[in-house]
Structures are given as structure tokens and as C-alpha cells.
């Protein structure tokens, strides 16, 4: 599909909007999980967002594809891009700050790079990319800290869950290459709806959501997370893929981490240590080095 003629300032404004929507998702999750369990939260998030995107597709006169092969890929994409990472992030944010969650989740391009080098080898790897990996991994170690790495500290498993979510997003970015030729909103809606189908039975069996009494703040956070940080963010993301390309769109990864941290500090009273800030600097430098070497990486959303 030929990219349309673009008005760059307008597209850059949309890029900032996308970074803000995804950056805000960590704070929205942090508030929502106070009274809504992670499985139920993410089942509702994917169901609402997937239904909204399906409505957009129908309004545009488009239909979901048929055939077992494409739906198998959509189920895999749902697991890697929604069901597993969304739930891990929601579970982790019961015990770690939104700012910390956003920093750890920013390691997705690092894991994309490592999977590319060690497993798929579908793209050329340059020296700058390797330097970026080293800087990013150093930043991750600084954020988690030596006490956590030695098994001390209550947040170790939550931090590891955030890294596992980043690995899932990396796999989703690579597997997403197989949807070329489809309208971008088709795999977005399809994967979200598949994730809802996977998560809803687990939510019903484990959380018994009819017994829950979520607070108004959690319900508002769920609504914002579903409508803005998932459905609208996916729509902006796939538009920007067409206009700015994949490399241009991944620039939002540089923006959403400080945005998420700023939102967490402003609204949740969170704070970061000097070591965590140094880790953030290393991670951003690593992601920049990998992306600016010309390697094409598709970045996945919270």
C-alpha cells in the first residue's frame, strides 16, 4: 500500500498523542487493579477495545477474514500482543509503580533485537544495534538492582513479569510481519477479540467478576484504558505506520516512558531513585542506538 502524502507537523502531533495514550496506560492500569483483578481487567479491556475496532471496520465496509490459517495467526498474535502481556502487566502493577513498569516495558526493542540475532535472523544486524543491546541491558540491571537480582526484595517477580511482557511484545512485533496485505485494523481487531475470548473464561472461573465491587475510579480507569489507550491508540498506531513508516512510528517509544513517569509522579505521587533514572537513560540510549542504525523494528502497545 503506497503511503499517502503527509503533513509532517500533523503526523508528529499524532505521534505525541500516541505516546501519551500508551504512556498513560500504566497509570490507568495501576488505578484499575486496586479493585479489579488483573484477569478480569484485561478481559474487559480487550473485549471493549476489540468490539470498538470491529465497529470501525464495519463502518468502513470491511470484514474480518475467513480461513483457519489466518485465525491461527490471530490467536498467536493475541497471546503475544494482548492476552499474556496485558495480564502480566496488570498483575505486576499491583506491587510496582507505573513509572517503573513503563521503564521495564521499554525493553521490548532490546528483546526484539536479541530474538532477531539469535533466532529468526530476518533482518541485518549492525554494530550500533549491539551497542544498544548492551546499554539497554545495563539499564535494566540498574533499575532492578543487585538486591533483586540476588533474590531479595518483594518486587522481584513483578519486575520479571514486566520483562516477560516485553519479551511477548517482541515476539508479537516479529510475528506481526505475517499480516502484510491486510488492512492494519484487521489484525488489531482480530487479535484483541481473540484475546477477549481467551481471557473471559479464565476471568469467570477464577475471579468470579459478578462478585466484585469495583470502585468508580477503577471503572473510569478501565473505560479510559479500553477506549483511549487501546482502541484509539491502535487506530493511531496503524495510521502512523502508513504515514511515518515503522521506524518513524517507533519514535513514540522514546516519548512514552518519560510521559508515563511524569503522569505517575503527577497523579499517583510516585518517585524514582537516581539509580532508576540512570537505568532509564541507558535504556533510552540503547533503544535509540538500535533504531537509528536502520534496523526495522515493529513496536507493540499497553
C-alpha atoms as a PDB file:
ATOM      1  CA  UNK A   1       0.000   0.000   0.000  1.00  0.00           C
ATOM      2  CA  UNK A   2       1.538   3.353  -1.067  1.00  0.00           C
ATOM      3  CA  UNK A   3       1.948   5.780   1.841  1.00  0.00           C
ATOM      4  CA  UNK A   4      -0.242   8.867   1.424  1.00  0.00           C
ATOM      5  CA  UNK A   5       1.128  12.391   1.157  1.00  0.00           C
ATOM      6  CA  UNK A   6       1.575  13.645   4.702  1.00  0.00           C
ATOM      7  CA  UNK A   7       1.671  16.930   6.572  1.00  0.00           C
ATOM      8  CA  UNK A   8       4.607  16.284   8.897  1.00  0.00           C
ATOM      9  CA  UNK A   9       3.645  18.606  11.808  1.00  0.00           C
ATOM     10  CA  UNK A  10       0.208  16.969  11.899  1.00  0.00           C
ATOM     11  CA  UNK A  11       1.695  13.478  11.931  1.00  0.00           C
ATOM     12  CA  UNK A  12       4.184  14.410  14.642  1.00  0.00           C
ATOM     13  CA  UNK A  13       1.284  15.711  16.740  1.00  0.00           C
ATOM     14  CA  UNK A  14      -0.446  12.347  16.288  1.00  0.00           C
ATOM     15  CA  UNK A  15       2.810  10.608  17.273  1.00  0.00           C
ATOM     16  CA  UNK A  16       2.914  12.614  20.506  1.00  0.00           C
ATOM     17  CA  UNK A  17      -0.753  11.744  21.093  1.00  0.00           C
ATOM     18  CA  UNK A  18       0.019   8.039  20.648  1.00  0.00           C
ATOM     19  CA  UNK A  19       2.931   8.219  23.087  1.00  0.00           C
ATOM     20  CA  UNK A  20       0.684   9.974  25.607  1.00  0.00           C
ATOM     21  CA  UNK A  21      -2.101   7.384  25.248  1.00  0.00           C
ATOM     22  CA  UNK A  22       0.269   4.470  25.717  1.00  0.00           C
ATOM     23  CA  UNK A  23       2.239   6.249  28.430  1.00  0.00           C
ATOM     24  CA  UNK A  24      -0.985   6.885  30.343  1.00  0.00           C
ATOM     25  CA  UNK A  25      -1.942   3.197  30.194  1.00  0.00           C
ATOM     26  CA  UNK A  26       0.453   2.288  33.013  1.00  0.00           C
ATOM     27  CA  UNK A  27      -1.179   4.778  35.391  1.00  0.00           C
ATOM     28  CA  UNK A  28      -4.680   3.697  34.329  1.00  0.00           C
ATOM     29  CA  UNK A  29      -3.773   0.059  34.998  1.00  0.00           C
ATOM     30  CA  UNK A  30      -2.260   0.973  38.366  1.00  0.00           C
ATOM     31  CA  UNK A  31      -5.543   2.590  39.434  1.00  0.00           C
ATOM     32  CA  UNK A  32      -7.814  -0.068  37.899  1.00  0.00           C
ATOM     33  CA  UNK A  33      -6.136  -3.074  39.563  1.00  0.00           C
ATOM     34  CA  UNK A  34      -6.815  -1.659  43.007  1.00  0.00           C
ATOM     35  CA  UNK A  35     -10.342  -3.159  42.867  1.00  0.00           C
ATOM     36  CA  UNK A  36     -10.429  -5.157  39.601  1.00  0.00           C
ATOM     37  CA  UNK A  37      -8.301  -8.344  39.396  1.00  0.00           C
ATOM     38  CA  UNK A  38      -5.811  -8.485  36.509  1.00  0.00           C
ATOM     39  CA  UNK A  39      -7.569 -11.236  34.509  1.00  0.00           C
ATOM     40  CA  UNK A  40     -10.943  -9.541  34.649  1.00  0.00           C
ATOM     41  CA  UNK A  41      -9.428  -6.144  33.903  1.00  0.00           C
ATOM     42  CA  UNK A  42      -7.681  -7.363  30.786  1.00  0.00           C
ATOM     43  CA  UNK A  43     -10.607  -9.487  29.615  1.00  0.00           C
ATOM     44  CA  UNK A  44     -12.779  -6.360  29.768  1.00  0.00           C
ATOM     45  CA  UNK A  45     -10.071  -4.199  28.178  1.00  0.00           C
ATOM     46  CA  UNK A  46      -9.626  -6.454  25.165  1.00  0.00           C
ATOM     47  CA  UNK A  47     -13.362  -7.104  24.741  1.00  0.00           C
ATOM     48  CA  UNK A  48     -14.269  -3.405  24.792  1.00  0.00           C
ATOM     49  CA  UNK A  49     -11.378  -2.315  22.561  1.00  0.00           C
ATOM     50  CA  UNK A  50     -11.827  -5.201  20.116  1.00  0.00           C
ATOM     51  CA  UNK A  51     -15.547  -4.521  19.808  1.00  0.00           C
ATOM     52  CA  UNK A  52     -14.910  -0.822  19.141  1.00  0.00           C
ATOM     53  CA  UNK A  53     -12.350  -1.603  16.425  1.00  0.00           C
ATOM     54  CA  UNK A  54     -14.709  -4.159  14.891  1.00  0.00           C
ATOM     55  CA  UNK A  55     -17.382  -1.462  14.743  1.00  0.00           C
ATOM     56  CA  UNK A  56     -14.921   0.849  12.983  1.00  0.00           C
ATOM     57  CA  UNK A  57     -14.139  -1.874  10.447  1.00  0.00           C
ATOM     58  CA  UNK A  58     -17.836  -2.493   9.812  1.00  0.00           C
ATOM     59  CA  UNK A  59     -18.408   1.255   9.375  1.00  0.00           C
ATOM     60  CA  UNK A  60     -15.669   1.263   6.753  1.00  0.00           C
ATOM     61  CA  UNK A  61     -17.315  -1.632   4.953  1.00  0.00           C
ATOM     62  CA  UNK A  62     -14.574  -4.129   5.833  1.00  0.00           C
ATOM     63  CA  UNK A  63     -14.996  -7.671   7.120  1.00  0.00           C
ATOM     64  CA  UNK A  64     -12.837  -9.959   9.198  1.00  0.00           C
ATOM     65  CA  UNK A  65     -11.026 -12.637   7.180  1.00  0.00           C
ATOM     66  CA  UNK A  66     -12.093 -16.276   6.978  1.00  0.00           C
ATOM     67  CA  UNK A  67      -9.907 -19.353   6.994  1.00  0.00           C
ATOM     68  CA  UNK A  68      -8.291 -21.422   9.718  1.00  0.00           C
ATOM     69  CA  UNK A  69      -4.729 -20.361   8.869  1.00  0.00           C
ATOM     70  CA  UNK A  70      -5.300 -16.641   9.383  1.00  0.00           C
ATOM     71  CA  UNK A  71      -7.228 -17.179  12.600  1.00  0.00           C
ATOM     72  CA  UNK A  72      -4.457 -19.405  13.988  1.00  0.00           C
ATOM     73  CA  UNK A  73      -2.090 -16.500  13.392  1.00  0.00           C
ATOM     74  CA  UNK A  74      -4.529 -14.097  15.031  1.00  0.00           C
ATOM     75  CA  UNK A  75      -4.761 -16.341  18.100  1.00  0.00           C
ATOM     76  CA  UNK A  76      -0.948 -16.462  18.328  1.00  0.00           C
ATOM     77  CA  UNK A  77      -0.807 -12.692  17.918  1.00  0.00           C
ATOM     78  CA  UNK A  78      -3.466 -12.332  20.615  1.00  0.00           C
ATOM     79  CA  UNK A  79      -1.395 -14.377  23.051  1.00  0.00           C
ATOM     80  CA  UNK A  80       1.823 -12.451  22.347  1.00  0.00           C
ATOM     81  CA  UNK A  81       0.412  -8.958  21.927  1.00  0.00           C
ATOM     82  CA  UNK A  82      -2.554  -8.875  24.320  1.00  0.00           C
ATOM     83  CA  UNK A  83      -3.632 -11.797  26.491  1.00  0.00           C
ATOM     84  CA  UNK A  84      -0.324 -12.725  28.129  1.00  0.00           C
ATOM     85  CA  UNK A  85       1.487  -9.352  28.344  1.00  0.00           C
ATOM     86  CA  UNK A  86      -1.608  -7.356  29.326  1.00  0.00           C
ATOM     87  CA  UNK A  87      -2.275  -9.753  32.207  1.00  0.00           C
ATOM     88  CA  UNK A  88       1.371  -9.801  33.314  1.00  0.00           C
ATOM     89  CA  UNK A  89       1.500  -6.012  33.341  1.00  0.00           C
ATOM     90  CA  UNK A  90      -1.739  -5.696  35.309  1.00  0.00           C
ATOM     91  CA  UNK A  91      -0.550  -8.299  37.836  1.00  0.00           C
ATOM     92  CA  UNK A  92       2.860  -6.616  38.182  1.00  0.00           C
ATOM     93  CA  UNK A  93       1.342  -3.176  38.735  1.00  0.00           C
ATOM     94  CA  UNK A  94      -0.338  -4.409  41.880  1.00  0.00           C
ATOM     95  CA  UNK A  95       3.076  -4.066  43.525  1.00  0.00           C
ATOM     96  CA  UNK A  96       5.277  -1.785  41.399  1.00  0.00           C
ATOM     97  CA  UNK A  97       4.853   1.833  40.336  1.00  0.00           C
ATOM     98  CA  UNK A  98       3.515   2.821  36.924  1.00  0.00           C
ATOM     99  CA  UNK A  99       6.763   4.638  36.149  1.00  0.00           C
ATOM    100  CA  UNK A 100       8.850   1.573  36.924  1.00  0.00           C
ATOM    101  CA  UNK A 101       6.506  -0.573  34.836  1.00  0.00           C
ATOM    102  CA  UNK A 102       6.876   1.723  31.832  1.00  0.00           C
ATOM    103  CA  UNK A 103      10.664   1.688  32.071  1.00  0.00           C
ATOM    104  CA  UNK A 104      10.896  -2.095  32.237  1.00  0.00           C
ATOM    105  CA  UNK A 105       8.390  -2.457  29.401  1.00  0.00           C
ATOM    106  CA  UNK A 106      10.519  -0.145  27.230  1.00  0.00           C
ATOM    107  CA  UNK A 107      12.978  -3.031  26.831  1.00  0.00           C
ATOM    108  CA  UNK A 108      10.804  -4.554  24.076  1.00  0.00           C
ATOM    109  CA  UNK A 109      13.100  -3.409  21.226  1.00  0.00           C
ATOM    110  CA  UNK A 110      16.063  -4.958  23.031  1.00  0.00           C
ATOM    111  CA  UNK A 111      14.380  -8.346  23.117  1.00  0.00           C
ATOM    112  CA  UNK A 112      13.249  -7.889  19.504  1.00  0.00           C
ATOM    113  CA  UNK A 113      16.880  -7.371  18.589  1.00  0.00           C
ATOM    114  CA  UNK A 114      18.043 -10.429  20.535  1.00  0.00           C
ATOM    115  CA  UNK A 115      15.362 -12.695  19.011  1.00  0.00           C
ATOM    116  CA  UNK A 116      16.303 -11.411  15.558  1.00  0.00           C
ATOM    117  CA  UNK A 117      20.004 -12.109  16.099  1.00  0.00           C
ATOM    118  CA  UNK A 118      19.679 -15.451  17.854  1.00  0.00           C
ATOM    119  CA  UNK A 119      16.541 -16.995  16.341  1.00  0.00           C
ATOM    120  CA  UNK A 120      14.832 -15.519  13.291  1.00  0.00           C
ATOM    121  CA  UNK A 121      17.711 -13.618  11.596  1.00  0.00           C
ATOM    122  CA  UNK A 122      15.178 -11.970   9.286  1.00  0.00           C
ATOM    123  CA  UNK A 123      16.942  -8.580   9.365  1.00  0.00           C
ATOM    124  CA  UNK A 124      20.518  -7.346   9.051  1.00  0.00           C
ATOM    125  CA  UNK A 125      22.211  -6.528  12.344  1.00  0.00           C
ATOM    126  CA  UNK A 126      24.746  -3.702  12.639  1.00  0.00           C
ATOM    127  CA  UNK A 127      27.316  -2.854  15.296  1.00  0.00           C
ATOM    128  CA  UNK A 128      25.256   0.044  16.610  1.00  0.00           C
ATOM    129  CA  UNK A 129      22.474  -2.372  17.395  1.00  0.00           C
ATOM    130  CA  UNK A 130      24.720  -4.495  19.580  1.00  0.00           C
ATOM    131  CA  UNK A 131      25.900  -1.414  21.478  1.00  0.00           C
ATOM    132  CA  UNK A 132      22.263  -0.561  22.009  1.00  0.00           C
ATOM    133  CA  UNK A 133      21.562  -4.005  23.472  1.00  0.00           C
ATOM    134  CA  UNK A 134      24.448  -3.654  25.921  1.00  0.00           C
ATOM    135  CA  UNK A 135      23.260  -0.205  27.025  1.00  0.00           C
ATOM    136  CA  UNK A 136      19.667  -1.392  27.363  1.00  0.00           C
ATOM    137  CA  UNK A 137      20.518  -4.483  29.381  1.00  0.00           C
ATOM    138  CA  UNK A 138      22.766  -2.385  31.648  1.00  0.00           C
ATOM    139  CA  UNK A 139      19.854  -0.034  32.215  1.00  0.00           C
ATOM    140  CA  UNK A 140      17.548  -2.913  33.075  1.00  0.00           C
ATOM    141  CA  UNK A 141      20.029  -4.213  35.650  1.00  0.00           C
ATOM    142  CA  UNK A 142      20.325  -0.735  37.188  1.00  0.00           C
ATOM    143  CA  UNK A 143      16.552  -0.441  37.507  1.00  0.00           C
ATOM    144  CA  UNK A 144      16.023  -3.871  39.073  1.00  0.00           C
ATOM    145  CA  UNK A 145      19.129  -3.533  41.236  1.00  0.00           C
ATOM    146  CA  UNK A 146      21.552  -6.041  42.711  1.00  0.00           C
ATOM    147  CA  UNK A 147      19.364  -6.881  45.760  1.00  0.00           C
ATOM    148  CA  UNK A 148      16.530  -8.001  43.496  1.00  0.00           C
ATOM    149  CA  UNK A 149      18.881  -9.946  41.259  1.00  0.00           C
ATOM    150  CA  UNK A 150      20.192 -11.845  44.273  1.00  0.00           C
ATOM    151  CA  UNK A 151      16.662 -12.825  45.271  1.00  0.00           C
ATOM    152  CA  UNK A 152      15.985 -10.068  47.820  1.00  0.00           C
ATOM    153  CA  UNK A 153      13.138  -7.570  47.678  1.00  0.00           C
ATOM    154  CA  UNK A 154       9.401  -8.080  47.350  1.00  0.00           C
ATOM    155  CA  UNK A 155       9.153  -6.707  43.810  1.00  0.00           C
ATOM    156  CA  UNK A 156      11.430  -9.171  42.007  1.00  0.00           C
ATOM    157  CA  UNK A 157       8.630 -11.284  40.499  1.00  0.00           C
ATOM    158  CA  UNK A 158       6.649  -8.236  39.438  1.00  0.00           C
ATOM    159  CA  UNK A 159       9.727  -6.805  37.712  1.00  0.00           C
ATOM    160  CA  UNK A 160      10.398 -10.117  35.991  1.00  0.00           C
ATOM    161  CA  UNK A 161       6.736 -10.218  34.899  1.00  0.00           C
ATOM    162  CA  UNK A 162       7.202  -6.822  33.223  1.00  0.00           C
ATOM    163  CA  UNK A 163      10.268  -8.142  31.395  1.00  0.00           C
ATOM    164  CA  UNK A 164       8.330 -11.258  30.345  1.00  0.00           C
ATOM    165  CA  UNK A 165       5.638  -8.963  28.921  1.00  0.00           C
ATOM    166  CA  UNK A 166       8.331  -7.111  26.974  1.00  0.00           C
ATOM    167  CA  UNK A 167       9.533 -10.435  25.536  1.00  0.00           C
ATOM    168  CA  UNK A 168       5.956 -11.203  24.447  1.00  0.00           C
ATOM    169  CA  UNK A 169       5.706  -7.843  22.716  1.00  0.00           C
ATOM    170  CA  UNK A 170       8.983  -8.539  20.925  1.00  0.00           C
ATOM    171  CA  UNK A 171       7.618 -11.843  19.634  1.00  0.00           C
ATOM    172  CA  UNK A 172       4.418 -10.077  18.562  1.00  0.00           C
ATOM    173  CA  UNK A 173       6.394  -7.468  16.609  1.00  0.00           C
ATOM    174  CA  UNK A 174       8.177 -10.214  14.684  1.00  0.00           C
ATOM    175  CA  UNK A 175       5.089 -12.390  14.128  1.00  0.00           C
ATOM    176  CA  UNK A 176       3.157  -9.325  13.004  1.00  0.00           C
ATOM    177  CA  UNK A 177       5.125  -9.383   9.746  1.00  0.00           C
ATOM    178  CA  UNK A 178       2.822 -12.184   8.570  1.00  0.00           C
ATOM    179  CA  UNK A 179      -0.199  -9.856   8.318  1.00  0.00           C
ATOM    180  CA  UNK A 180       1.095  -7.897   5.335  1.00  0.00           C
ATOM    181  CA  UNK A 181      -1.616  -7.315   2.746  1.00  0.00           C
ATOM    182  CA  UNK A 182      -4.389  -6.927   5.321  1.00  0.00           C
ATOM    183  CA  UNK A 183      -5.830  -3.605   6.377  1.00  0.00           C
ATOM    184  CA  UNK A 184      -3.887  -2.823   9.582  1.00  0.00           C
ATOM    185  CA  UNK A 185      -7.030  -2.593  11.702  1.00  0.00           C
ATOM    186  CA  UNK A 186      -7.973  -6.181  10.785  1.00  0.00           C
ATOM    187  CA  UNK A 187      -5.200  -7.894  12.806  1.00  0.00           C
ATOM    188  CA  UNK A 188      -5.628  -5.269  15.526  1.00  0.00           C
ATOM    189  CA  UNK A 189      -9.333  -6.001  15.985  1.00  0.00           C
ATOM    190  CA  UNK A 190      -8.949  -9.725  15.380  1.00  0.00           C
ATOM    191  CA  UNK A 191      -6.152 -10.199  17.892  1.00  0.00           C
ATOM    192  CA  UNK A 192      -7.960  -8.176  20.568  1.00  0.00           C
ATOM    193  CA  UNK A 193     -11.167 -10.160  20.113  1.00  0.00           C
ATOM    194  CA  UNK A 194      -9.230 -13.437  20.259  1.00  0.00           C
ATOM    195  CA  UNK A 195      -7.576 -12.245  23.459  1.00  0.00           C
ATOM    196  CA  UNK A 196     -11.001 -11.483  24.936  1.00  0.00           C
ATOM    197  CA  UNK A 197     -12.186 -14.986  24.045  1.00  0.00           C
ATOM    198  CA  UNK A 198      -9.113 -16.472  25.743  1.00  0.00           C
ATOM    199  CA  UNK A 199      -9.272 -14.318  28.876  1.00  0.00           C
ATOM    200  CA  UNK A 200     -13.010 -14.199  29.572  1.00  0.00           C
ATOM    201  CA  UNK A 201     -13.424 -17.885  30.615  1.00  0.00           C
ATOM    202  CA  UNK A 202     -10.407 -17.554  32.922  1.00  0.00           C
ATOM    203  CA  UNK A 203     -11.869 -14.407  34.424  1.00  0.00           C
ATOM    204  CA  UNK A 204     -15.223 -16.110  35.018  1.00  0.00           C
ATOM    205  CA  UNK A 205     -13.640 -19.204  36.558  1.00  0.00           C
ATOM    206  CA  UNK A 206     -11.007 -17.535  38.722  1.00  0.00           C
ATOM    207  CA  UNK A 207     -12.179 -14.012  39.576  1.00  0.00           C
ATOM    208  CA  UNK A 208     -15.970 -14.534  39.520  1.00  0.00           C
ATOM    209  CA  UNK A 209     -16.455 -10.926  38.378  1.00  0.00           C
ATOM    210  CA  UNK A 210     -20.126 -10.874  39.357  1.00  0.00           C
ATOM    211  CA  UNK A 211     -18.913 -10.923  42.974  1.00  0.00           C
ATOM    212  CA  UNK A 212     -16.618  -7.918  42.538  1.00  0.00           C
ATOM    213  CA  UNK A 213     -17.376  -4.391  43.712  1.00  0.00           C
ATOM    214  CA  UNK A 214     -15.030  -2.201  41.656  1.00  0.00           C
ATOM    215  CA  UNK A 215     -14.625   1.397  42.706  1.00  0.00           C
ATOM    216  CA  UNK A 216     -15.736   4.267  40.456  1.00  0.00           C
ATOM    217  CA  UNK A 217     -12.063   5.193  39.954  1.00  0.00           C
ATOM    218  CA  UNK A 218     -11.237   1.670  38.741  1.00  0.00           C
ATOM    219  CA  UNK A 219     -14.224   1.635  36.364  1.00  0.00           C
ATOM    220  CA  UNK A 220     -13.264   5.015  34.924  1.00  0.00           C
ATOM    221  CA  UNK A 221      -9.689   3.794  34.510  1.00  0.00           C
ATOM    222  CA  UNK A 222     -10.940   0.665  32.716  1.00  0.00           C
ATOM    223  CA  UNK A 223     -13.022   2.811  30.373  1.00  0.00           C
ATOM    224  CA  UNK A 224     -10.102   5.111  29.610  1.00  0.00           C
ATOM    225  CA  UNK A 225      -7.737   2.183  29.181  1.00  0.00           C
ATOM    226  CA  UNK A 226     -10.079   0.388  26.767  1.00  0.00           C
ATOM    227  CA  UNK A 227     -11.314   3.301  24.670  1.00  0.00           C
ATOM    228  CA  UNK A 228      -8.267   5.564  24.571  1.00  0.00           C
ATOM    229  CA  UNK A 229      -5.128   3.574  25.457  1.00  0.00           C
ATOM    230  CA  UNK A 230      -6.177   0.513  23.447  1.00  0.00           C
ATOM    231  CA  UNK A 231      -8.781   1.133  20.718  1.00  0.00           C
ATOM    232  CA  UNK A 232      -7.851   4.733  19.829  1.00  0.00           C
ATOM    233  CA  UNK A 233      -4.139   4.060  20.353  1.00  0.00           C
ATOM    234  CA  UNK A 234      -4.245   1.082  17.979  1.00  0.00           C
ATOM    235  CA  UNK A 235      -6.023   3.196  15.375  1.00  0.00           C
ATOM    236  CA  UNK A 236      -3.401   5.953  15.659  1.00  0.00           C
ATOM    237  CA  UNK A 237      -0.583   3.420  15.613  1.00  0.00           C
ATOM    238  CA  UNK A 238      -1.664   1.745  12.397  1.00  0.00           C
ATOM    239  CA  UNK A 239      -2.334   5.111  10.737  1.00  0.00           C
ATOM    240  CA  UNK A 240       1.188   6.253  11.614  1.00  0.00           C
ATOM    241  CA  UNK A 241       2.639   3.026  10.245  1.00  0.00           C
ATOM    242  CA  UNK A 242       1.240   4.118   6.856  1.00  0.00           C
ATOM    243  CA  UNK A 243       2.307   7.757   7.046  1.00  0.00           C
ATOM    244  CA  UNK A 244       5.583   7.787   9.004  1.00  0.00           C
ATOM    245  CA  UNK A 245       6.584   4.158   8.466  1.00  0.00           C
ATOM    246  CA  UNK A 246       7.592   1.673  11.111  1.00  0.00           C
ATOM    247  CA  UNK A 247      10.848   3.422  12.058  1.00  0.00           C
ATOM    248  CA  UNK A 248       9.166   6.794  12.439  1.00  0.00           C
ATOM    249  CA  UNK A 249       6.346   5.308  14.481  1.00  0.00           C
ATOM    250  CA  UNK A 250       8.725   3.586  16.908  1.00  0.00           C
ATOM    251  CA  UNK A 251       9.913   7.049  17.962  1.00  0.00           C
ATOM    252  CA  UNK A 252       6.905   7.070  20.302  1.00  0.00           C
ATOM    253  CA  UNK A 253       8.867   4.564  22.388  1.00  0.00           C
ATOM    254  CA  UNK A 254      11.268   7.378  23.311  1.00  0.00           C
ATOM    255  CA  UNK A 255       8.379   9.638  24.309  1.00  0.00           C
ATOM    256  CA  UNK A 256       6.036   7.361  26.254  1.00  0.00           C
ATOM    257  CA  UNK A 257       8.465   6.377  29.030  1.00  0.00           C
ATOM    258  CA  UNK A 258       9.044   9.921  30.347  1.00  0.00           C
ATOM    259  CA  UNK A 259       5.337  10.653  29.763  1.00  0.00           C
ATOM    260  CA  UNK A 260       4.352   7.605  31.833  1.00  0.00           C
ATOM    261  CA  UNK A 261       6.782   8.575  34.578  1.00  0.00           C
ATOM    262  CA  UNK A 262       5.519  12.166  34.617  1.00  0.00           C
ATOM    263  CA  UNK A 263       1.881  11.007  34.828  1.00  0.00           C
ATOM    264  CA  UNK A 264       2.710   8.594  37.676  1.00  0.00           C
ATOM    265  CA  UNK A 265       4.531  11.324  39.604  1.00  0.00           C
ATOM    266  CA  UNK A 266       1.788  13.914  38.992  1.00  0.00           C
ATOM    267  CA  UNK A 267      -1.273  11.779  39.757  1.00  0.00           C
ATOM    268  CA  UNK A 268      -0.063   8.884  41.917  1.00  0.00           C
ATOM    269  CA  UNK A 269       2.668  10.550  43.950  1.00  0.00           C
ATOM    270  CA  UNK A 270       5.300   8.118  42.668  1.00  0.00           C
ATOM    271  CA  UNK A 271       9.031   8.775  42.664  1.00  0.00           C
ATOM    272  CA  UNK A 272      12.174   7.288  41.147  1.00  0.00           C
ATOM    273  CA  UNK A 273      15.605   6.759  42.624  1.00  0.00           C
ATOM    274  CA  UNK A 274      18.723   8.174  40.993  1.00  0.00           C
ATOM    275  CA  UNK A 275      19.730   4.622  40.032  1.00  0.00           C
ATOM    276  CA  UNK A 276      16.402   4.028  38.271  1.00  0.00           C
ATOM    277  CA  UNK A 277      16.783   7.317  36.387  1.00  0.00           C
ATOM    278  CA  UNK A 278      20.272   6.241  35.294  1.00  0.00           C
ATOM    279  CA  UNK A 279      18.764   2.959  34.131  1.00  0.00           C
ATOM    280  CA  UNK A 280      16.122   4.885  32.184  1.00  0.00           C
ATOM    281  CA  UNK A 281      18.848   6.900  30.448  1.00  0.00           C
ATOM    282  CA  UNK A 282      20.698   3.707  29.479  1.00  0.00           C
ATOM    283  CA  UNK A 283      17.551   2.059  28.125  1.00  0.00           C
ATOM    284  CA  UNK A 284      16.564   5.079  26.028  1.00  0.00           C
ATOM    285  CA  UNK A 285      20.105   5.341  24.681  1.00  0.00           C
ATOM    286  CA  UNK A 286      20.050   1.635  23.836  1.00  0.00           C
ATOM    287  CA  UNK A 287      16.698   1.790  22.059  1.00  0.00           C
ATOM    288  CA  UNK A 288      17.826   4.867  20.109  1.00  0.00           C
ATOM    289  CA  UNK A 289      21.070   3.201  19.055  1.00  0.00           C
ATOM    290  CA  UNK A 290      19.267   0.095  17.803  1.00  0.00           C
ATOM    291  CA  UNK A 291      16.603   2.019  15.911  1.00  0.00           C
ATOM    292  CA  UNK A 292      18.854   4.654  14.371  1.00  0.00           C
ATOM    293  CA  UNK A 293      21.143   2.028  12.831  1.00  0.00           C
ATOM    294  CA  UNK A 294      18.428   1.494  10.237  1.00  0.00           C
ATOM    295  CA  UNK A 295      17.081  -1.784  11.607  1.00  0.00           C
ATOM    296  CA  UNK A 296      13.320  -2.118  11.072  1.00  0.00           C
ATOM    297  CA  UNK A 297      11.517  -2.975  14.293  1.00  0.00           C
ATOM    298  CA  UNK A 298       7.763  -3.047  14.723  1.00  0.00           C
ATOM    299  CA  UNK A 299       6.998  -1.788  18.251  1.00  0.00           C
ATOM    300  CA  UNK A 300       3.923  -3.428  20.088  1.00  0.00           C
ATOM    301  CA  UNK A 301       1.337  -1.178  22.794  1.00  0.00           C
ATOM    302  CA  UNK A 302      -0.007  -1.449  26.998  1.00  0.00           C
END
